[in-house]
Amino acid sequence: MFEYLKEPRNLLGYTLMRGTTDWTQLEQFNLYEKGYPFLIVVGIPEFLRTAAQKDARMSNLIKNYVHILEYEFRGMSGLADLTANTSPITNGFNDFNVITRTQEQGSETFTFNYTEKSGSTLTKVNEFYLRGVRDPNSGFKHYNGQINKNSDSLYNPEVSGSIGFEKETFSFLYLHTDNTGLMLERAVFLVGAQPTNAPFSTLYNADKGSIEFAEIGVEFMAYPIYGTEVDKRAQQILDWMNNEAANTYHVARNSYDYKWSRVSPTDFKGNSTNVYKGTLQETHLTAASGNDASWIE
């Protein structure tokens, strides 16, 4: 276990905090630091991919949704502890409790933190998703007009297996690194993820003159998976994220050497034609995680 996670320092030669603390040996206080989370979108629902392929407006909306989920990810809540349940051994007078079961978190709601964009990108896609999987007034599943009996329909109810939960889920890889951004502290694979809210109340309830940005929690019901293969893949993706040569959108860890978009020689001459215009690169889905990114085309 844990072979792809960061190796703890050997502290056996230190007294730590027993008795007088030896502050001349700071290496014994290499503490865990929170605050370095990343999110990778491994897969999106098939019916969103096909919606993006059929409509230019939806294509732009869904591509930007995925890009924001990854690149503006600010944190997550929802992970739960691994716990133990006990059963008593009794002699009729006293009990002695022993562990008879360990319990790992099952399907749960995870909340991803963002600031909504003008145009309500995150909220619109979640609304599109929720209305498509279950219409709020009729209760029917219609994938926003994509489910029908036409012979050329990808979602024809007469064709076995063309419609189902497997067409409706996201998958995410959640990473938490150490303070270098290079080593993995923990990775969690979130599968079967379904968004559960379109935050109308947070965005659209307002008072005139009260101007503020909208912090939203994007909620997904998902099942968390831990394991060696998850850790291995996460470290590979983390290495790719930090590889400037292989990744246009690499993690810029050294801000002093960062290549600012508007600080090129041409820009300083007053010519703005070289202003950086990024295009969504989803190569990590194929190069790193092995998933089909054809929906981006």
Protein backbone atom coordinates (compact mmCIF):
# COMPACT_ATOMS: atom_id res chain seq x y z
CA MET A 1 0.00 0.00 0.00
CA PHE A 2 0.86 3.69 -0.40
CA GLU A 3 3.77 3.15 -2.80
CA TYR A 4 2.73 6.07 -5.03
CA LEU A 5 1.97 8.47 -2.17
CA LYS A 6 4.56 10.70 -0.52
CA GLU A 7 6.87 8.79 1.80
CA PRO A 8 6.90 10.07 5.42
CA ARG A 9 10.23 11.06 6.96
CA ASN A 10 11.85 8.60 9.40
CA LEU A 11 11.56 10.19 12.86
CA LEU A 12 12.88 7.36 14.99
CA GLY A 13 16.06 9.25 15.90
CA TYR A 14 14.28 12.25 17.40
CA THR A 15 12.67 12.95 20.80
CA LEU A 16 9.99 15.09 19.16
CA MET A 17 7.97 16.70 21.98
CA ARG A 18 8.84 14.35 24.83
CA GLY A 19 10.62 16.39 27.46
CA THR A 20 12.69 19.31 26.15
CA THR A 21 11.96 19.96 22.48
CA ASP A 22 15.13 20.20 20.39
CA TRP A 23 14.31 23.16 18.19
CA THR A 24 17.72 22.86 16.51
CA GLN A 25 16.40 19.79 14.67
CA LEU A 26 13.52 21.23 12.69
CA GLU A 27 13.54 18.26 10.33
CA GLN A 28 11.49 16.38 12.97
CA PHE A 29 8.59 18.79 12.43
CA ASN A 30 7.83 18.19 8.77
CA LEU A 31 4.08 18.75 9.16
CA TYR A 32 1.28 17.94 6.77
CA GLU A 33 -0.09 21.07 5.07
CA LYS A 34 -3.63 21.35 3.75
CA GLY A 35 -4.54 23.61 0.87
CA TYR A 36 -3.12 22.04 -2.32
CA PRO A 37 -6.13 20.36 -4.00
CA PHE A 38 -6.59 19.69 -7.72
CA LEU A 39 -9.46 18.24 -9.73
CA ILE A 40 -9.23 16.33 -13.01
CA VAL A 41 -12.35 15.74 -15.11
CA VAL A 42 -11.86 12.18 -16.31
CA GLY A 43 -15.18 11.73 -18.07
CA ILE A 44 -18.47 13.52 -18.75
CA PRO A 45 -21.95 12.10 -19.46
CA GLU A 46 -22.38 10.73 -22.95
CA PHE A 47 -25.55 12.72 -23.55
CA LEU A 48 -23.66 15.94 -22.81
CA ARG A 49 -20.96 14.96 -25.33
CA THR A 50 -23.55 14.35 -28.04
CA ALA A 51 -25.37 17.60 -27.17
CA ALA A 52 -22.06 19.45 -27.60
CA GLN A 53 -21.48 17.80 -30.98
CA LYS A 54 -24.89 18.81 -32.31
CA ASP A 55 -25.11 22.44 -31.20
CA ALA A 56 -22.37 25.10 -31.31
CA ARG A 57 -23.81 27.05 -28.38
CA MET A 58 -23.98 23.96 -26.19
CA SER A 59 -20.51 22.93 -27.34
CA ASN A 60 -19.07 26.23 -26.14
CA LEU A 61 -21.02 26.04 -22.88
CA ILE A 62 -20.02 22.45 -22.04
CA LYS A 63 -16.35 22.91 -23.00
CA ASN A 64 -16.11 25.96 -20.76
CA TYR A 65 -17.94 24.13 -17.98
CA VAL A 66 -15.33 21.35 -18.01
CA HIS A 67 -12.48 23.85 -18.24
CA ILE A 68 -13.77 25.83 -15.24
CA LEU A 69 -14.35 22.67 -13.20
CA GLU A 70 -10.68 21.78 -13.58
CA TYR A 71 -8.77 25.03 -13.82
CA GLU A 72 -10.73 27.17 -11.38
CA PHE A 73 -11.25 24.45 -8.78
CA ARG A 74 -10.82 25.97 -5.31
CA GLY A 75 -11.55 23.08 -3.03
CA MET A 76 -13.89 20.28 -2.10
CA SER A 77 -15.81 19.02 0.91
CA GLY A 78 -17.57 15.71 1.44
CA LEU A 79 -14.86 13.14 2.17
CA ALA A 80 -15.57 11.09 5.28
CA ASP A 81 -13.37 9.10 7.66
CA LEU A 82 -12.65 5.40 7.53
CA THR A 83 -14.31 4.18 10.72
CA ALA A 84 -14.74 1.05 12.81
CA ASN A 85 -17.80 -0.60 14.33
CA THR A 86 -17.49 -2.81 17.37
CA SER A 87 -19.35 -5.72 18.96
CA PRO A 88 -19.23 -6.67 22.66
CA ILE A 89 -17.83 -9.81 24.22
CA THR A 90 -19.61 -10.15 27.55
CA ASN A 91 -19.49 -12.33 30.67
CA GLY A 92 -22.84 -11.04 31.86
CA PHE A 93 -21.28 -8.41 34.11
CA ASN A 94 -18.85 -6.51 31.85
CA ASP A 95 -18.40 -5.95 28.13
CA PHE A 96 -15.22 -5.95 26.10
CA ASN A 97 -15.64 -4.36 22.67
CA VAL A 98 -13.71 -5.59 19.63
CA ILE A 99 -13.70 -4.32 16.07
CA THR A 100 -15.92 -6.51 13.93
CA ARG A 101 -16.39 -4.23 10.95
CA THR A 102 -14.67 -1.33 9.25
CA GLN A 103 -16.75 1.06 7.22
CA GLU A 104 -15.64 3.13 4.24
CA GLN A 105 -17.65 5.99 2.79
CA GLY A 106 -20.18 5.06 0.15
CA SER A 107 -22.04 7.28 -2.28
CA GLU A 108 -22.11 10.80 -0.89
CA THR A 109 -22.61 14.44 -1.89
CA PHE A 110 -19.36 16.25 -2.66
CA THR A 111 -19.33 20.03 -2.96
CA PHE A 112 -16.85 21.76 -5.30
CA ASN A 113 -16.25 25.48 -4.65
CA TYR A 114 -16.29 28.10 -7.42
CA THR A 115 -17.20 31.69 -8.22
CA GLU A 116 -19.84 31.69 -10.95
CA LYS A 117 -19.01 33.39 -14.25
CA SER A 118 -21.05 36.02 -16.03
CA GLY A 119 -23.40 34.04 -18.23
CA SER A 120 -23.92 31.44 -15.47
CA THR A 121 -21.81 28.75 -17.14
CA LEU A 122 -21.79 26.23 -14.29
CA THR A 123 -25.43 26.77 -13.37
CA LYS A 124 -26.68 26.49 -16.97
CA VAL A 125 -24.94 23.17 -17.62
CA ASN A 126 -26.21 21.74 -14.34
CA GLU A 127 -29.71 22.89 -15.23
CA PHE A 128 -29.38 21.34 -18.69
CA TYR A 129 -28.23 18.10 -17.10
CA LEU A 130 -30.93 17.92 -14.43
CA ARG A 131 -33.79 18.76 -16.79
CA GLY A 132 -32.49 16.16 -19.26
CA VAL A 133 -32.20 13.22 -16.86
CA ARG A 134 -35.55 13.89 -15.15
CA ASP A 135 -37.97 16.54 -16.31
CA PRO A 136 -39.10 18.47 -13.20
CA ASN A 137 -42.73 18.62 -14.38
CA SER A 138 -43.32 15.39 -16.29
CA GLY A 139 -40.78 13.15 -14.53
CA PHE A 140 -39.61 11.74 -17.87
CA LYS A 141 -36.04 11.23 -19.04
CA HIS A 142 -35.55 12.97 -22.40
CA TYR A 143 -31.90 14.17 -22.60
CA ASN A 144 -33.25 17.54 -23.75
CA GLY A 145 -34.83 16.24 -26.94
CA GLN A 146 -32.22 13.60 -27.79
CA ILE A 147 -34.37 10.59 -26.75
CA ASN A 148 -36.77 9.58 -29.49
CA LYS A 149 -37.71 6.66 -31.74
CA ASN A 150 -36.08 8.02 -34.88
CA SER A 151 -33.95 5.41 -36.60
CA ASP A 152 -30.88 7.68 -36.48
CA SER A 153 -31.28 8.53 -32.78
CA LEU A 154 -28.40 7.63 -30.50
CA TYR A 155 -30.90 7.32 -27.65
CA ASN A 156 -33.71 5.24 -29.11
CA PRO A 157 -35.72 3.48 -26.38
CA GLU A 158 -36.42 0.65 -28.84
CA VAL A 159 -32.69 -0.16 -28.88
CA SER A 160 -31.62 -2.07 -25.80
CA GLY A 161 -28.88 -0.33 -23.81
CA SER A 162 -29.12 3.01 -25.59
CA ILE A 163 -30.44 4.80 -22.47
CA GLY A 164 -29.37 4.39 -18.86
CA PHE A 165 -27.49 5.69 -15.86
CA GLU A 166 -24.16 4.88 -17.51
CA LYS A 167 -24.89 7.61 -20.08
CA GLU A 168 -25.43 10.20 -17.35
CA THR A 169 -22.38 10.24 -15.07
CA PHE A 170 -19.19 12.22 -14.64
CA SER A 171 -15.97 10.85 -13.19
CA PHE A 172 -13.35 12.93 -11.40
CA LEU A 173 -9.89 12.41 -9.98
CA TYR A 174 -9.27 14.44 -6.83
CA LEU A 175 -5.65 15.06 -5.86
CA HIS A 176 -4.09 16.64 -2.81
CA THR A 177 -0.37 17.34 -3.13
CA ASP A 178 2.37 18.32 -0.70
CA ASN A 179 3.64 21.91 -0.51
CA THR A 180 5.93 21.43 -3.52
CA GLY A 181 3.04 20.51 -5.81
CA LEU A 182 5.10 17.55 -7.03
CA MET A 183 4.32 14.76 -4.56
CA LEU A 184 0.97 13.17 -3.93
CA GLU A 185 -0.47 13.10 -0.42
CA ARG A 186 -3.77 11.47 -1.39
CA ALA A 187 -5.87 10.69 -4.45
CA VAL A 188 -9.56 9.79 -4.70
CA PHE A 189 -11.38 8.58 -7.81
CA LEU A 190 -14.98 9.86 -7.78
CA VAL A 191 -17.16 7.70 -10.02
CA GLY A 192 -20.83 7.66 -10.95
CA ALA A 193 -20.92 11.41 -10.29
CA GLN A 194 -24.18 13.24 -10.93
CA PRO A 195 -24.73 16.97 -10.30
CA THR A 196 -27.54 17.50 -7.83
CA ASN A 197 -28.13 21.27 -7.90
CA ALA A 198 -28.46 24.28 -10.14
CA PRO A 199 -27.93 27.07 -7.56
CA PHE A 200 -30.70 29.46 -8.58
CA SER A 201 -31.22 30.69 -5.03
CA THR A 202 -27.58 31.70 -4.58
CA LEU A 203 -27.35 33.50 -7.91
CA TYR A 204 -30.69 35.07 -8.62
CA ASN A 205 -32.13 36.14 -5.27
CA ALA A 206 -30.87 39.72 -5.02
CA ASP A 207 -31.39 43.17 -3.53
CA LYS A 208 -31.04 46.27 -5.66
CA GLY A 209 -27.77 48.03 -4.94
CA SER A 210 -26.22 45.02 -3.19
CA ILE A 211 -23.48 44.20 -5.69
CA GLU A 212 -21.37 41.13 -5.04
CA PHE A 213 -19.80 38.15 -6.75
CA ALA A 214 -21.53 34.79 -6.36
CA GLU A 215 -19.71 32.02 -4.52
CA ILE A 216 -21.41 28.73 -5.35
CA GLY A 217 -21.07 25.13 -4.27
CA VAL A 218 -21.44 22.76 -7.23
CA GLU A 219 -22.75 19.52 -5.73
CA PHE A 220 -22.15 16.03 -7.14
CA MET A 221 -23.40 12.74 -5.76
CA ALA A 222 -20.49 10.34 -6.29
CA TYR A 223 -18.83 7.17 -5.05
CA PRO A 224 -15.21 7.57 -3.82
CA ILE A 225 -12.57 4.94 -4.64
CA TYR A 226 -9.15 4.69 -3.01
CA GLY A 227 -6.38 2.32 -4.04
CA THR A 228 -2.96 1.66 -5.49
CA GLU A 229 -4.06 1.98 -9.12
CA VAL A 230 -5.78 5.29 -8.34
CA ASP A 231 -2.62 6.58 -6.65
CA LYS A 232 -0.44 5.42 -9.54
CA ARG A 233 -2.55 7.12 -12.19
CA ALA A 234 -2.87 10.27 -10.07
CA GLN A 235 0.91 10.59 -9.72
CA GLN A 236 1.32 10.12 -13.47
CA ILE A 237 -1.21 12.87 -14.13
CA LEU A 238 0.43 15.12 -11.53
CA ASP A 239 3.79 14.63 -13.28
CA TRP A 240 2.12 15.55 -16.57
CA MET A 241 0.52 18.62 -15.00
CA ASN A 242 3.98 19.85 -13.97
CA ASN A 243 5.66 19.07 -17.30
CA GLU A 244 5.99 22.36 -19.18
CA ALA A 245 7.29 20.65 -22.32
CA ALA A 246 4.33 18.27 -22.57
CA ASN A 247 1.51 20.46 -21.29
CA THR A 248 0.49 23.91 -22.50
CA TYR A 249 -1.51 24.37 -19.32
CA HIS A 250 1.18 23.12 -16.92
CA VAL A 251 1.10 24.20 -13.27
CA ALA A 252 3.22 27.36 -13.05
CA ARG A 253 4.85 26.83 -9.67
CA ASN A 254 7.51 29.57 -10.05
CA SER A 255 5.67 32.85 -10.60
CA TYR A 256 8.88 34.87 -11.04
CA ASP A 257 9.71 32.95 -14.22
CA TYR A 258 6.12 32.83 -15.43
CA LYS A 259 5.60 33.81 -19.08
CA TRP A 260 2.88 36.44 -18.69
CA SER A 261 0.55 36.66 -21.67
CA ARG A 262 0.87 40.42 -22.22
CA VAL A 263 4.57 40.83 -21.47
CA SER A 264 6.01 39.74 -24.82
CA PRO A 265 8.29 42.10 -26.82
CA THR A 266 5.54 42.50 -29.42
CA ASP A 267 3.02 43.58 -26.81
CA PHE A 268 5.40 46.18 -25.44
CA LYS A 269 5.62 47.65 -28.95
CA GLY A 270 1.90 48.27 -28.85
CA ASN A 271 0.93 45.40 -31.14
CA SER A 272 -1.69 43.23 -29.50
CA THR A 273 -1.83 40.57 -32.21
CA ASN A 274 0.26 38.20 -30.12
CA VAL A 275 -2.03 38.33 -27.11
CA TYR A 276 -2.37 34.80 -25.82
CA LYS A 277 -5.59 33.18 -26.90
CA GLY A 278 -5.86 29.84 -25.16
CA THR A 279 -7.76 26.91 -26.60
CA LEU A 280 -9.07 24.12 -24.47
CA GLN A 281 -6.50 21.36 -24.33
CA GLU A 282 -7.92 18.06 -23.12
CA THR A 283 -4.87 15.97 -24.01
CA HIS A 284 -4.58 14.79 -20.41
CA LEU A 285 -7.76 12.81 -20.89
CA THR A 286 -6.07 10.75 -23.61
CA ALA A 287 -2.36 11.03 -22.88
CA ALA A 288 -2.58 10.72 -19.12
CA SER A 289 -5.83 9.07 -18.15
CA GLY A 290 -6.59 7.14 -21.31
CA ASN A 291 -10.13 8.42 -21.69
CA ASP A 292 -11.87 9.36 -24.88
CA ALA A 293 -11.77 13.13 -25.40
CA SER A 294 -13.39 13.07 -28.85
CA TRP A 295 -16.34 15.07 -27.56
CA ILE A 296 -14.04 18.12 -27.55
CA GLU A 297 -13.70 18.09 -31.32
